[in-house]
Amino acid sequence: MKITLQLEELAMLGLGIYAFNCLSYPWWLFLALFLVPDIGMLGYSINTKIGAACYNLFHHKGLAILIYFSGVFGNNEILQLSGSILFAHAAFDRILGYGLKFEKGFKFTHLGEIGKKN
């Protein structure tokens, strides 16, 4: 099942890359912005509850889709850029096993415990 989920996330990463490719931005910008959603980890410097909420906000694919399509319907390429980066980044994180976080701590995710052999 793990391989199936990773392949599904790989397809979503491809979709995020495709969405970015449809925009008029240079490719170096995709690479420069790809890790920006990890800024959500800064919430962990306050406590695990705020950390999980911030991390999950910046890694929620539903929110990424909402932002992207807000840009499509509003003819706003910056929103489309933001949505495609958030979506691609979240998919990439899930390929690596970094899921949405529980308040219990950073390593506790909806995909299981990070670092624990399943």
PDB file of N, CA and C in Angstrom:
ATOM      1  N   MET A   1       0.822  -1.198   0.000  1.00  0.00           N
ATOM      2  CA  MET A   1       0.000   0.000   0.000  1.00  0.00           C
ATOM      3  C   MET A   1       0.860   1.253   0.000  1.00  0.00           C
ATOM      4  N   LYS A   2       2.003   1.200   0.713  1.00  0.00           N
ATOM      5  CA  LYS A   2       2.870   2.367   0.795  1.00  0.00           C
ATOM      6  C   LYS A   2       3.343   2.787  -0.598  1.00  0.00           C
ATOM      7  N   ILE A   3       3.719   1.821  -1.428  1.00  0.00           N
ATOM      8  CA  ILE A   3       4.190   2.130  -2.785  1.00  0.00           C
ATOM      9  C   ILE A   3       3.053   2.737  -3.605  1.00  0.00           C
ATOM     10  N   THR A   4       1.857   2.219  -3.449  1.00  0.00           N
ATOM     11  CA  THR A   4       0.697   2.748  -4.178  1.00  0.00           C
ATOM     12  C   THR A   4       0.454   4.208  -3.812  1.00  0.00           C
ATOM     13  N   LEU A   5       0.518   4.515  -2.516  1.00  0.00           N
ATOM     14  CA  LEU A   5       0.326   5.904  -2.074  1.00  0.00           C
ATOM     15  C   LEU A   5       1.448   6.807  -2.586  1.00  0.00           C
ATOM     16  N   GLN A   6       2.665   6.311  -2.590  1.00  0.00           N
ATOM     17  CA  GLN A   6       3.777   7.113  -3.099  1.00  0.00           C
ATOM     18  C   GLN A   6       3.621   7.380  -4.596  1.00  0.00           C
ATOM     19  N   LEU A   7       3.160   6.387  -5.338  1.00  0.00           N
ATOM     20  CA  LEU A   7       2.934   6.590  -6.772  1.00  0.00           C
ATOM     21  C   LEU A   7       1.819   7.599  -7.025  1.00  0.00           C
ATOM     22  N   GLU A   8       0.789   7.546  -6.193  1.00  0.00           N
ATOM     23  CA  GLU A   8      -0.299   8.513  -6.308  1.00  0.00           C
ATOM     24  C   GLU A   8       0.217   9.931  -6.034  1.00  0.00           C
ATOM     25  N   GLU A   9       1.043  10.069  -5.013  1.00  0.00           N
ATOM     26  CA  GLU A   9       1.617  11.379  -4.693  1.00  0.00           C
ATOM     27  C   GLU A   9       2.589  11.838  -5.780  1.00  0.00           C
ATOM     28  N   LEU A  10       3.297  10.909  -6.397  1.00  0.00           N
ATOM     29  CA  LEU A  10       4.183  11.250  -7.508  1.00  0.00           C
ATOM     30  C   LEU A  10       3.375  11.817  -8.674  1.00  0.00           C
ATOM     31  N   ALA A  11       2.208  11.231  -8.936  1.00  0.00           N
ATOM     32  CA  ALA A  11       1.323  11.758  -9.979  1.00  0.00           C
ATOM     33  C   ALA A  11       0.846  13.165  -9.626  1.00  0.00           C
ATOM     34  N   MET A  12       0.548  13.394  -8.341  1.00  0.00           N
ATOM     35  CA  MET A  12       0.116  14.729  -7.924  1.00  0.00           C
ATOM     36  C   MET A  12       1.264  15.735  -8.002  1.00  0.00           C
ATOM     37  N   LEU A  13       2.477  15.298  -7.696  1.00  0.00           N
ATOM     38  CA  LEU A  13       3.640  16.166  -7.871  1.00  0.00           C
ATOM     39  C   LEU A  13       3.760  16.559  -9.343  1.00  0.00           C
ATOM     40  N   GLY A  14       3.581  15.589 -10.224  1.00  0.00           N
ATOM     41  CA  GLY A  14       3.601  15.874 -11.662  1.00  0.00           C
ATOM     42  C   GLY A  14       2.522  16.869 -12.059  1.00  0.00           C
ATOM     43  N   LEU A  15       1.348  16.752 -11.473  1.00  0.00           N
ATOM     44  CA  LEU A  15       0.263  17.686 -11.748  1.00  0.00           C
ATOM     45  C   LEU A  15       0.621  19.097 -11.289  1.00  0.00           C
ATOM     46  N   GLY A  16       1.235  19.208 -10.114  1.00  0.00           N
ATOM     47  CA  GLY A  16       1.670  20.516  -9.618  1.00  0.00           C
ATOM     48  C   GLY A  16       2.720  21.136 -10.530  1.00  0.00           C
ATOM     49  N   ILE A  17       3.643  20.308 -11.012  1.00  0.00           N
ATOM     50  CA  ILE A  17       4.669  20.793 -11.941  1.00  0.00           C
ATOM     51  C   ILE A  17       4.030  21.233 -13.254  1.00  0.00           C
ATOM     52  N   TYR A  18       3.070  20.453 -13.726  1.00  0.00           N
ATOM     53  CA  TYR A  18       2.360  20.823 -14.953  1.00  0.00           C
ATOM     54  C   TYR A  18       1.625  22.155 -14.776  1.00  0.00           C
ATOM     55  N   ALA A  19       0.957  22.324 -13.644  1.00  0.00           N
ATOM     56  CA  ALA A  19       0.226  23.575 -13.385  1.00  0.00           C
ATOM     57  C   ALA A  19       1.189  24.759 -13.392  1.00  0.00           C
ATOM     58  N   PHE A  20       2.367  24.576 -12.787  1.00  0.00           N
ATOM     59  CA  PHE A  20       3.367  25.636 -12.818  1.00  0.00           C
ATOM     60  C   PHE A  20       3.826  25.898 -14.246  1.00  0.00           C
ATOM     61  N   ASN A  21       4.028  24.844 -15.002  1.00  0.00           N
ATOM     62  CA  ASN A  21       4.517  24.965 -16.375  1.00  0.00           C
ATOM     63  C   ASN A  21       3.549  25.751 -17.263  1.00  0.00           C
ATOM     64  N   CYS A  22       2.287  25.756 -16.928  1.00  0.00           N
ATOM     65  CA  CYS A  22       1.280  26.490 -17.713  1.00  0.00           C
ATOM     66  C   CYS A  22       1.345  27.999 -17.456  1.00  0.00           C
ATOM     67  N   LEU A  23       2.122  28.399 -16.478  1.00  0.00           N
ATOM     68  CA  LEU A  23       2.250  29.814 -16.137  1.00  0.00           C
ATOM     69  C   LEU A  23       3.432  30.421 -16.889  1.00  0.00           C
ATOM     70  N   SER A  24       3.561  31.727 -16.800  1.00  0.00           N
ATOM     71  CA  SER A  24       4.603  32.422 -17.562  1.00  0.00           C
ATOM     72  C   SER A  24       5.890  32.645 -16.770  1.00  0.00           C
ATOM     73  N   TYR A  25       6.049  31.962 -15.652  1.00  0.00           N
ATOM     74  CA  TYR A  25       7.227  32.155 -14.806  1.00  0.00           C
ATOM     75  C   TYR A  25       8.383  31.262 -15.256  1.00  0.00           C
ATOM     76  N   PRO A  26       9.628  31.698 -15.013  1.00  0.00           N
ATOM     77  CA  PRO A  26      10.781  30.859 -15.363  1.00  0.00           C
ATOM     78  C   PRO A  26      10.910  29.680 -14.393  1.00  0.00           C
ATOM     79  N   TRP A  27      11.538  28.601 -14.842  1.00  0.00           N
ATOM     80  CA  TRP A  27      11.653  27.386 -14.039  1.00  0.00           C
ATOM     81  C   TRP A  27      12.459  27.564 -12.770  1.00  0.00           C
ATOM     82  N   TRP A  28      13.427  28.464 -12.801  1.00  0.00           N
ATOM     83  CA  TRP A  28      14.236  28.660 -11.599  1.00  0.00           C
ATOM     84  C   TRP A  28      13.364  29.124 -10.439  1.00  0.00           C
ATOM     85  N   LEU A  29      12.258  29.797 -10.735  1.00  0.00           N
ATOM     86  CA  LEU A  29      11.372  30.270  -9.673  1.00  0.00           C
ATOM     87  C   LEU A  29      10.691  29.095  -8.965  1.00  0.00           C
ATOM     88  N   PHE A  30      10.327  28.079  -9.720  1.00  0.00           N
ATOM     89  CA  PHE A  30       9.745  26.880  -9.110  1.00  0.00           C
ATOM     90  C   PHE A  30      10.734  26.281  -8.113  1.00  0.00           C
ATOM     91  N   LEU A  31      11.971  26.155  -8.541  1.00  0.00           N
ATOM     92  CA  LEU A  31      12.994  25.582  -7.671  1.00  0.00           C
ATOM     93  C   LEU A  31      13.262  26.473  -6.455  1.00  0.00           C
ATOM     94  N   ALA A  32      13.262  27.776  -6.671  1.00  0.00           N
ATOM     95  CA  ALA A  32      13.520  28.720  -5.580  1.00  0.00           C
ATOM     96  C   ALA A  32      12.400  28.710  -4.539  1.00  0.00           C
ATOM     97  N   LEU A  33      11.173  28.499  -4.975  1.00  0.00           N
ATOM     98  CA  LEU A  33      10.020  28.559  -4.073  1.00  0.00           C
ATOM     99  C   LEU A  33       9.583  27.207  -3.525  1.00  0.00           C
ATOM    100  N   PHE A  34      10.144  26.132  -4.048  1.00  0.00           N
ATOM    101  CA  PHE A  34       9.650  24.791  -3.738  1.00  0.00           C
ATOM    102  C   PHE A  34       9.669  24.467  -2.243  1.00  0.00           C
ATOM    103  N   LEU A  35      10.651  24.935  -1.523  1.00  0.00           N
ATOM    104  CA  LEU A  35      10.745  24.619  -0.091  1.00  0.00           C
ATOM    105  C   LEU A  35      10.132  25.686   0.816  1.00  0.00           C
ATOM    106  N   VAL A  36       9.610  26.756   0.242  1.00  0.00           N
ATOM    107  CA  VAL A  36       9.022  27.837   1.042  1.00  0.00           C
ATOM    108  C   VAL A  36       7.894  27.357   1.954  1.00  0.00           C
ATOM    109  N   PRO A  37       7.037  26.419   1.536  1.00  0.00           N
ATOM    110  CA  PRO A  37       5.978  25.976   2.456  1.00  0.00           C
ATOM    111  C   PRO A  37       6.492  25.401   3.778  1.00  0.00           C
ATOM    112  N   ASP A  38       7.757  24.993   3.820  1.00  0.00           N
ATOM    113  CA  ASP A  38       8.303  24.471   5.068  1.00  0.00           C
ATOM    114  C   ASP A  38       8.462  25.549   6.136  1.00  0.00           C
ATOM    115  N   ILE A  39       8.191  26.798   5.773  1.00  0.00           N
ATOM    116  CA  ILE A  39       8.189  27.872   6.771  1.00  0.00           C
ATOM    117  C   ILE A  39       7.153  27.581   7.868  1.00  0.00           C
ATOM    118  N   GLY A  40       6.175  26.762   7.536  1.00  0.00           N
ATOM    119  CA  GLY A  40       5.166  26.371   8.520  1.00  0.00           C
ATOM    120  C   GLY A  40       5.753  25.651   9.724  1.00  0.00           C
ATOM    121  N   MET A  41       6.952  25.095   9.586  1.00  0.00           N
ATOM    122  CA  MET A  41       7.595  24.413  10.710  1.00  0.00           C
ATOM    123  C   MET A  41       8.004  25.377  11.816  1.00  0.00           C
ATOM    124  N   LEU A  42       8.091  26.653  11.500  1.00  0.00           N
ATOM    125  CA  LEU A  42       8.488  27.637  12.510  1.00  0.00           C
ATOM    126  C   LEU A  42       7.520  27.677  13.691  1.00  0.00           C
ATOM    127  N   GLY A  43       6.282  27.273  13.459  1.00  0.00           N
ATOM    128  CA  GLY A  43       5.311  27.229  14.546  1.00  0.00           C
ATOM    129  C   GLY A  43       5.732  26.308  15.672  1.00  0.00           C
ATOM    130  N   TYR A  44       6.560  25.317  15.360  1.00  0.00           N
ATOM    131  CA  TYR A  44       7.048  24.403  16.395  1.00  0.00           C
ATOM    132  C   TYR A  44       7.966  25.096  17.389  1.00  0.00           C
ATOM    133  N   SER A  45       8.468  26.272  17.035  1.00  0.00           N
ATOM    134  CA  SER A  45       9.310  27.007  17.987  1.00  0.00           C
ATOM    135  C   SER A  45       8.463  27.581  19.130  1.00  0.00           C
ATOM    136  N   ILE A  46       7.147  27.628  18.940  1.00  0.00           N
ATOM    137  CA  ILE A  46       6.240  28.100  19.989  1.00  0.00           C
ATOM    138  C   ILE A  46       5.767  26.915  20.828  1.00  0.00           C
ATOM    139  N   ASN A  47       5.096  25.975  20.186  1.00  0.00           N
ATOM    140  CA  ASN A  47       4.697  24.727  20.837  1.00  0.00           C
ATOM    141  C   ASN A  47       4.186  23.759  19.780  1.00  0.00           C
ATOM    142  N   THR A  48       3.904  22.526  20.179  1.00  0.00           N
ATOM    143  CA  THR A  48       3.513  21.514  19.194  1.00  0.00           C
ATOM    144  C   THR A  48       2.119  21.757  18.615  1.00  0.00           C
ATOM    145  N   LYS A  49       1.230  22.351  19.381  1.00  0.00           N
ATOM    146  CA  LYS A  49      -0.121  22.623  18.877  1.00  0.00           C
ATOM    147  C   LYS A  49      -0.075  23.664  17.758  1.00  0.00           C
ATOM    148  N   ILE A  50       0.614  24.766  17.998  1.00  0.00           N
ATOM    149  CA  ILE A  50       0.739  25.810  16.972  1.00  0.00           C
ATOM    150  C   ILE A  50       1.594  25.298  15.815  1.00  0.00           C
ATOM    151  N   GLY A  51       2.618  24.535  16.130  1.00  0.00           N
ATOM    152  CA  GLY A  51       3.469  23.964  15.092  1.00  0.00           C
ATOM    153  C   GLY A  51       2.685  23.090  14.133  1.00  0.00           C
ATOM    154  N   ALA A  52       1.864  22.207  14.680  1.00  0.00           N
ATOM    155  CA  ALA A  52       1.057  21.319  13.835  1.00  0.00           C
ATOM    156  C   ALA A  52       0.071  22.123  12.994  1.00  0.00           C
ATOM    157  N   ALA A  53      -0.564  23.122  13.592  1.00  0.00           N
ATOM    158  CA  ALA A  53      -1.538  23.943  12.856  1.00  0.00           C
ATOM    159  C   ALA A  53      -0.857  24.702  11.716  1.00  0.00           C
ATOM    160  N   CYS A  54       0.289  25.307  11.986  1.00  0.00           N
ATOM    161  CA  CYS A  54       1.014  26.058  10.946  1.00  0.00           C
ATOM    162  C   CYS A  54       1.502  25.128   9.844  1.00  0.00           C
ATOM    163  N   TYR A  55       2.110  24.023  10.254  1.00  0.00           N
ATOM    164  CA  TYR A  55       2.616  23.061   9.263  1.00  0.00           C
ATOM    165  C   TYR A  55       1.471  22.564   8.376  1.00  0.00           C
ATOM    166  N   ASN A  56       0.375  22.164   8.989  1.00  0.00           N
ATOM    167  CA  ASN A  56      -0.759  21.628   8.239  1.00  0.00           C
ATOM    168  C   ASN A  56      -1.375  22.666   7.304  1.00  0.00           C
ATOM    169  N   LEU A  57      -1.385  23.919   7.717  1.00  0.00           N
ATOM    170  CA  LEU A  57      -1.903  24.992   6.861  1.00  0.00           C
ATOM    171  C   LEU A  57      -1.088  25.101   5.573  1.00  0.00           C
ATOM    172  N   PHE A  58       0.233  25.027   5.705  1.00  0.00           N
ATOM    173  CA  PHE A  58       1.117  25.171   4.554  1.00  0.00           C
ATOM    174  C   PHE A  58       1.292  23.882   3.751  1.00  0.00           C
ATOM    175  N   HIS A  59       0.685  22.789   4.209  1.00  0.00           N
ATOM    176  CA  HIS A  59       0.814  21.505   3.524  1.00  0.00           C
ATOM    177  C   HIS A  59      -0.540  20.859   3.215  1.00  0.00           C
ATOM    178  N   HIS A  60      -1.581  21.661   3.209  1.00  0.00           N
ATOM    179  CA  HIS A  60      -2.930  21.153   2.946  1.00  0.00           C
ATOM    180  C   HIS A  60      -3.222  21.270   1.453  1.00  0.00           C
ATOM    181  N   LYS A  61      -3.376  20.131   0.801  1.00  0.00           N
ATOM    182  CA  LYS A  61      -3.577  20.154  -0.656  1.00  0.00           C
ATOM    183  C   LYS A  61      -4.918  20.772  -1.039  1.00  0.00           C
ATOM    184  N   GLY A  62      -5.922  20.625  -0.195  1.00  0.00           N
ATOM    185  CA  GLY A  62      -7.213  21.253  -0.478  1.00  0.00           C
ATOM    186  C   GLY A  62      -7.099  22.766  -0.525  1.00  0.00           C
ATOM    187  N   LEU A  63      -6.348  23.321   0.408  1.00  0.00           N
ATOM    188  CA  LEU A  63      -6.107  24.764   0.420  1.00  0.00           C
ATOM    189  C   LEU A  63      -5.301  25.183  -0.811  1.00  0.00           C
ATOM    190  N   ALA A  64      -4.316  24.367  -1.178  1.00  0.00           N
ATOM    191  CA  ALA A  64      -3.513  24.660  -2.376  1.00  0.00           C
ATOM    192  C   ALA A  64      -4.399  24.713  -3.625  1.00  0.00           C
ATOM    193  N   ILE A  65      -5.330  23.775  -3.729  1.00  0.00           N
ATOM    194  CA  ILE A  65      -6.245  23.743  -4.880  1.00  0.00           C
ATOM    195  C   ILE A  65      -7.149  24.971  -4.863  1.00  0.00           C
ATOM    196  N   LEU A  66      -7.651  25.332  -3.691  1.00  0.00           N
ATOM    197  CA  LEU A  66      -8.503  26.520  -3.561  1.00  0.00           C
ATOM    198  C   LEU A  66      -7.744  27.782  -3.993  1.00  0.00           C
ATOM    199  N   ILE A  67      -6.514  27.915  -3.548  1.00  0.00           N
ATOM    200  CA  ILE A  67      -5.705  29.075  -3.932  1.00  0.00           C
ATOM    201  C   ILE A  67      -5.454  29.080  -5.434  1.00  0.00           C
ATOM    202  N   TYR A  68      -5.091  27.932  -5.987  1.00  0.00           N
ATOM    203  CA  TYR A  68      -4.813  27.840  -7.419  1.00  0.00           C
ATOM    204  C   TYR A  68      -6.039  28.242  -8.250  1.00  0.00           C
ATOM    205  N   PHE A  69      -7.197  27.652  -7.929  1.00  0.00           N
ATOM    206  CA  PHE A  69      -8.386  27.950  -8.725  1.00  0.00           C
ATOM    207  C   PHE A  69      -8.935  29.354  -8.469  1.00  0.00           C
ATOM    208  N   SER A  70      -8.647  29.915  -7.301  1.00  0.00           N
ATOM    209  CA  SER A  70      -8.969  31.334  -7.090  1.00  0.00           C
ATOM    210  C   SER A  70      -8.182  32.176  -8.086  1.00  0.00           C
ATOM    211  N   GLY A  71      -6.946  31.781  -8.315  1.00  0.00           N
ATOM    212  CA  GLY A  71      -6.120  32.469  -9.305  1.00  0.00           C
ATOM    213  C   GLY A  71      -6.602  32.252 -10.721  1.00  0.00           C
ATOM    214  N   VAL A  72      -7.074  31.050 -11.014  1.00  0.00           N
ATOM    215  CA  VAL A  72      -7.595  30.761 -12.361  1.00  0.00           C
ATOM    216  C   VAL A  72      -8.828  31.619 -12.625  1.00  0.00           C
ATOM    217  N   PHE A  73      -9.773  31.576 -11.710  1.00  0.00           N
ATOM    218  CA  PHE A  73     -11.025  32.301 -11.921  1.00  0.00           C
ATOM    219  C   PHE A  73     -10.861  33.811 -11.772  1.00  0.00           C
ATOM    220  N   GLY A  74      -9.873  34.228 -10.987  1.00  0.00           N
ATOM    221  CA  GLY A  74      -9.611  35.656 -10.824  1.00  0.00           C
ATOM    222  C   GLY A  74      -8.553  36.180 -11.772  1.00  0.00           C
ATOM    223  N   ASN A  75      -8.065  35.303 -12.657  1.00  0.00           N
ATOM    224  CA  ASN A  75      -7.025  35.660 -13.620  1.00  0.00           C
ATOM    225  C   ASN A  75      -5.808  36.278 -12.913  1.00  0.00           C
ATOM    226  N   ASN A  76      -5.363  35.601 -11.851  1.00  0.00           N
ATOM    227  CA  ASN A  76      -4.259  36.081 -11.033  1.00  0.00           C
ATOM    228  C   ASN A  76      -3.163  35.013 -11.013  1.00  0.00           C
ATOM    229  N   GLU A  77      -2.085  35.246 -11.752  1.00  0.00           N
ATOM    230  CA  GLU A  77      -1.014  34.253 -11.859  1.00  0.00           C
ATOM    231  C   GLU A  77      -0.248  34.056 -10.554  1.00  0.00           C
ATOM    232  N   ILE A  78      -0.219  35.046  -9.692  1.00  0.00           N
ATOM    233  CA  ILE A  78       0.491  34.878  -8.411  1.00  0.00           C
ATOM    234  C   ILE A  78      -0.232  33.844  -7.541  1.00  0.00           C
ATOM    235  N   LEU A  79      -1.560  33.887  -7.532  1.00  0.00           N
ATOM    236  CA  LEU A  79      -2.318  32.869  -6.795  1.00  0.00           C
ATOM    237  C   LEU A  79      -2.141  31.496  -7.426  1.00  0.00           C
ATOM    238  N   GLN A  80      -2.112  31.452  -8.747  1.00  0.00           N
ATOM    239  CA  GLN A  80      -1.883  30.173  -9.422  1.00  0.00           C
ATOM    240  C   GLN A  80      -0.493  29.632  -9.094  1.00  0.00           C
ATOM    241  N   LEU A  81       0.491  30.526  -9.082  1.00  0.00           N
ATOM    242  CA  LEU A  81       1.852  30.144  -8.716  1.00  0.00           C
ATOM    243  C   LEU A  81       1.875  29.600  -7.295  1.00  0.00           C
ATOM    244  N   SER A  82       1.276  30.322  -6.369  1.00  0.00           N
ATOM    245  CA  SER A  82       1.247  29.895  -4.966  1.00  0.00           C
ATOM    246  C   SER A  82       0.576  28.545  -4.812  1.00  0.00           C
ATOM    247  N   GLY A  83      -0.561  28.371  -5.441  1.00  0.00           N
ATOM    248  CA  GLY A  83      -1.291  27.111  -5.351  1.00  0.00           C
ATOM    249  C   GLY A  83      -0.518  25.942  -5.938  1.00  0.00           C
ATOM    250  N   SER A  84       0.131  26.167  -7.071  1.00  0.00           N
ATOM    251  CA  SER A  84       0.882  25.067  -7.698  1.00  0.00           C
ATOM    252  C   SER A  84       2.099  24.686  -6.858  1.00  0.00           C
ATOM    253  N   ILE A  85       2.766  25.658  -6.274  1.00  0.00           N
ATOM    254  CA  ILE A  85       3.919  25.374  -5.412  1.00  0.00           C
ATOM    255  C   ILE A  85       3.473  24.618  -4.158  1.00  0.00           C
ATOM    256  N   LEU A  86       2.415  25.109  -3.507  1.00  0.00           N
ATOM    257  CA  LEU A  86       1.915  24.437  -2.302  1.00  0.00           C
ATOM    258  C   LEU A  86       1.504  22.994  -2.600  1.00  0.00           C
ATOM    259  N   PHE A  87       0.813  22.798  -3.717  1.00  0.00           N
ATOM    260  CA  PHE A  87       0.330  21.472  -4.082  1.00  0.00           C
ATOM    261  C   PHE A  87       1.497  20.524  -4.375  1.00  0.00           C
ATOM    262  N   ALA A  88       2.438  20.983  -5.192  1.00  0.00           N
ATOM    263  CA  ALA A  88       3.588  20.149  -5.544  1.00  0.00           C
ATOM    264  C   ALA A  88       4.431  19.829  -4.313  1.00  0.00           C
ATOM    265  N   HIS A  89       4.645  20.819  -3.476  1.00  0.00           N
ATOM    266  CA  HIS A  89       5.450  20.609  -2.273  1.00  0.00           C
ATOM    267  C   HIS A  89       4.781  19.606  -1.330  1.00  0.00           C
ATOM    268  N   ALA A  90       3.483  19.743  -1.131  1.00  0.00           N
ATOM    269  CA  ALA A  90       2.768  18.822  -0.239  1.00  0.00           C
ATOM    270  C   ALA A  90       2.837  17.395  -0.775  1.00  0.00           C
ATOM    271  N   ALA A  91       2.696  17.235  -2.081  1.00  0.00           N
ATOM    272  CA  ALA A  91       2.792  15.902  -2.676  1.00  0.00           C
ATOM    273  C   ALA A  91       4.200  15.328  -2.479  1.00  0.00           C
ATOM    274  N   PHE A  92       5.219  16.152  -2.688  1.00  0.00           N
ATOM    275  CA  PHE A  92       6.602  15.707  -2.509  1.00  0.00           C
ATOM    276  C   PHE A  92       6.850  15.270  -1.062  1.00  0.00           C
ATOM    277  N   ASP A  93       6.375  16.049  -0.115  1.00  0.00           N
ATOM    278  CA  ASP A  93       6.535  15.691   1.294  1.00  0.00           C
ATOM    279  C   ASP A  93       5.877  14.349   1.591  1.00  0.00           C
ATOM    280  N   ARG A  94       4.723  14.111   1.028  1.00  0.00           N
ATOM    281  CA  ARG A  94       4.017  12.859   1.286  1.00  0.00           C
ATOM    282  C   ARG A  94       4.739  11.672   0.636  1.00  0.00           C
ATOM    283  N   ILE A  95       5.406  11.897  -0.489  1.00  0.00           N
ATOM    284  CA  ILE A  95       6.226  10.841  -1.090  1.00  0.00           C
ATOM    285  C   ILE A  95       7.301  10.413  -0.090  1.00  0.00           C
ATOM    286  N   LEU A  96       7.855  11.389   0.620  1.00  0.00           N
ATOM    287  CA  LEU A  96       8.915  11.123   1.599  1.00  0.00           C
ATOM    288  C   LEU A  96       8.380  10.630   2.944  1.00  0.00           C
ATOM    289  N   GLY A  97       7.050  10.598   3.098  1.00  0.00           N
ATOM    290  CA  GLY A  97       6.447  10.115   4.335  1.00  0.00           C
ATOM    291  C   GLY A  97       6.104  11.193   5.340  1.00  0.00           C
ATOM    292  N   TYR A  98       6.233  12.459   4.950  1.00  0.00           N
ATOM    293  CA  TYR A  98       5.880  13.566   5.837  1.00  0.00           C
ATOM    294  C   TYR A  98       4.430  13.942   5.611  1.00  0.00           C
ATOM    295  N   GLY A  99       3.565  13.452   6.462  1.00  0.00           N
ATOM    296  CA  GLY A  99       2.149  13.742   6.333  1.00  0.00           C
ATOM    297  C   GLY A  99       1.740  14.933   7.171  1.00  0.00           C
ATOM    298  N   LEU A 100       0.443  15.172   7.212  1.00  0.00           N
ATOM    299  CA  LEU A 100      -0.094  16.219   8.078  1.00  0.00           C
ATOM    300  C   LEU A 100       0.159  15.830   9.530  1.00  0.00           C
ATOM    301  N   LYS A 101       0.442  16.820  10.349  1.00  0.00           N
ATOM    302  CA  LYS A 101       0.917  16.570  11.708  1.00  0.00           C
ATOM    303  C   LYS A 101      -0.208  16.530  12.743  1.00  0.00           C
ATOM    304  N   PHE A 102       0.015  15.690  13.749  1.00  0.00           N
ATOM    305  CA  PHE A 102      -0.825  15.682  14.938  1.00  0.00           C
ATOM    306  C   PHE A 102      -0.182  16.596  15.976  1.00  0.00           C
ATOM    307  N   GLU A 103      -0.964  17.076  16.920  1.00  0.00           N
ATOM    308  CA  GLU A 103      -0.458  17.984  17.958  1.00  0.00           C
ATOM    309  C   GLU A 103       0.545  17.307  18.888  1.00  0.00           C
ATOM    310  N   LYS A 104       0.607  16.025  18.857  1.00  0.00           N
ATOM    311  CA  LYS A 104       1.483  15.248  19.734  1.00  0.00           C
ATOM    312  C   LYS A 104       2.963  15.556  19.483  1.00  0.00           C
ATOM    313  N   GLY A 105       3.316  15.938  18.244  1.00  0.00           N
ATOM    314  CA  GLY A 105       4.702  16.246  17.912  1.00  0.00           C
ATOM    315  C   GLY A 105       4.947  16.135  16.421  1.00  0.00           C
ATOM    316  N   PHE A 106       6.079  16.659  15.966  1.00  0.00           N
ATOM    317  CA  PHE A 106       6.387  16.728  14.542  1.00  0.00           C
ATOM    318  C   PHE A 106       6.416  15.361  13.879  1.00  0.00           C
ATOM    319  N   LYS A 107       6.916  14.359  14.567  1.00  0.00           N
ATOM    320  CA  LYS A 107       7.082  13.057  13.921  1.00  0.00           C
ATOM    321  C   LYS A 107       5.795  12.230  13.863  1.00  0.00           C
ATOM    322  N   PHE A 108       4.710  12.737  14.423  1.00  0.00           N
ATOM    323  CA  PHE A 108       3.434  12.015  14.417  1.00  0.00           C
ATOM    324  C   PHE A 108       2.536  12.575  13.315  1.00  0.00           C
ATOM    325  N   THR A 109       2.336  11.781  12.255  1.00  0.00           N
ATOM    326  CA  THR A 109       1.606  12.255  11.082  1.00  0.00           C
ATOM    327  C   THR A 109       0.443  11.325  10.733  1.00  0.00           C
ATOM    328  N   HIS A 110      -0.390  11.792   9.822  1.00  0.00           N
ATOM    329  CA  HIS A 110      -1.503  10.965   9.381  1.00  0.00           C
ATOM    330  C   HIS A 110      -1.028   9.769   8.552  1.00  0.00           C
ATOM    331  N   LEU A 111       0.234   9.754   8.164  1.00  0.00           N
ATOM    332  CA  LEU A 111       0.808   8.626   7.422  1.00  0.00           C
ATOM    333  C   LEU A 111       1.554   7.655   8.335  1.00  0.00           C
ATOM    334  N   GLY A 112       1.582   7.963   9.618  1.00  0.00           N
ATOM    335  CA  GLY A 112       2.308   7.155  10.584  1.00  0.00           C
ATOM    336  C   GLY A 112       3.437   7.963  11.188  1.00  0.00           C
ATOM    337  N   GLU A 113       4.173   7.325  12.051  1.00  0.00           N
ATOM    338  CA  GLU A 113       5.271   7.994  12.749  1.00  0.00           C
ATOM    339  C   GLU A 113       6.490   8.080  11.836  1.00  0.00           C
ATOM    340  N   ILE A 114       7.058   9.276  11.724  1.00  0.00           N
ATOM    341  CA  ILE A 114       8.237   9.487  10.900  1.00  0.00           C
ATOM    342  C   ILE A 114       9.417   8.773  11.551  1.00  0.00           C
ATOM    343  N   GLY A 115      10.146   8.011  10.756  1.00  0.00           N
ATOM    344  CA  GLY A 115      11.323   7.308  11.253  1.00  0.00           C
ATOM    345  C   GLY A 115      11.026   5.903  11.759  1.00  0.00           C
ATOM    346  N   LYS A 116       9.769   5.575  11.948  1.00  0.00           N
ATOM    347  CA  LYS A 116       9.404   4.245  12.418  1.00  0.00           C
ATOM    348  C   LYS A 116       9.228   3.320  11.219  1.00  0.00           C
ATOM    349  N   LYS A 117       9.820   2.164  11.257  1.00  0.00           N
ATOM    350  CA  LYS A 117       9.689   1.176  10.179  1.00  0.00           C
ATOM    351  C   LYS A 117       8.299   0.569  10.220  1.00  0.00           C
ATOM    352  N   ASN A 118       7.577   0.671   9.084  1.00  0.00           N
ATOM    353  CA  ASN A 118       6.218   0.107   9.022  1.00  0.00           C
ATOM    354  C   ASN A 118       6.228  -1.249   8.404  1.00  0.00           C
TER     355      ASN A 118
END
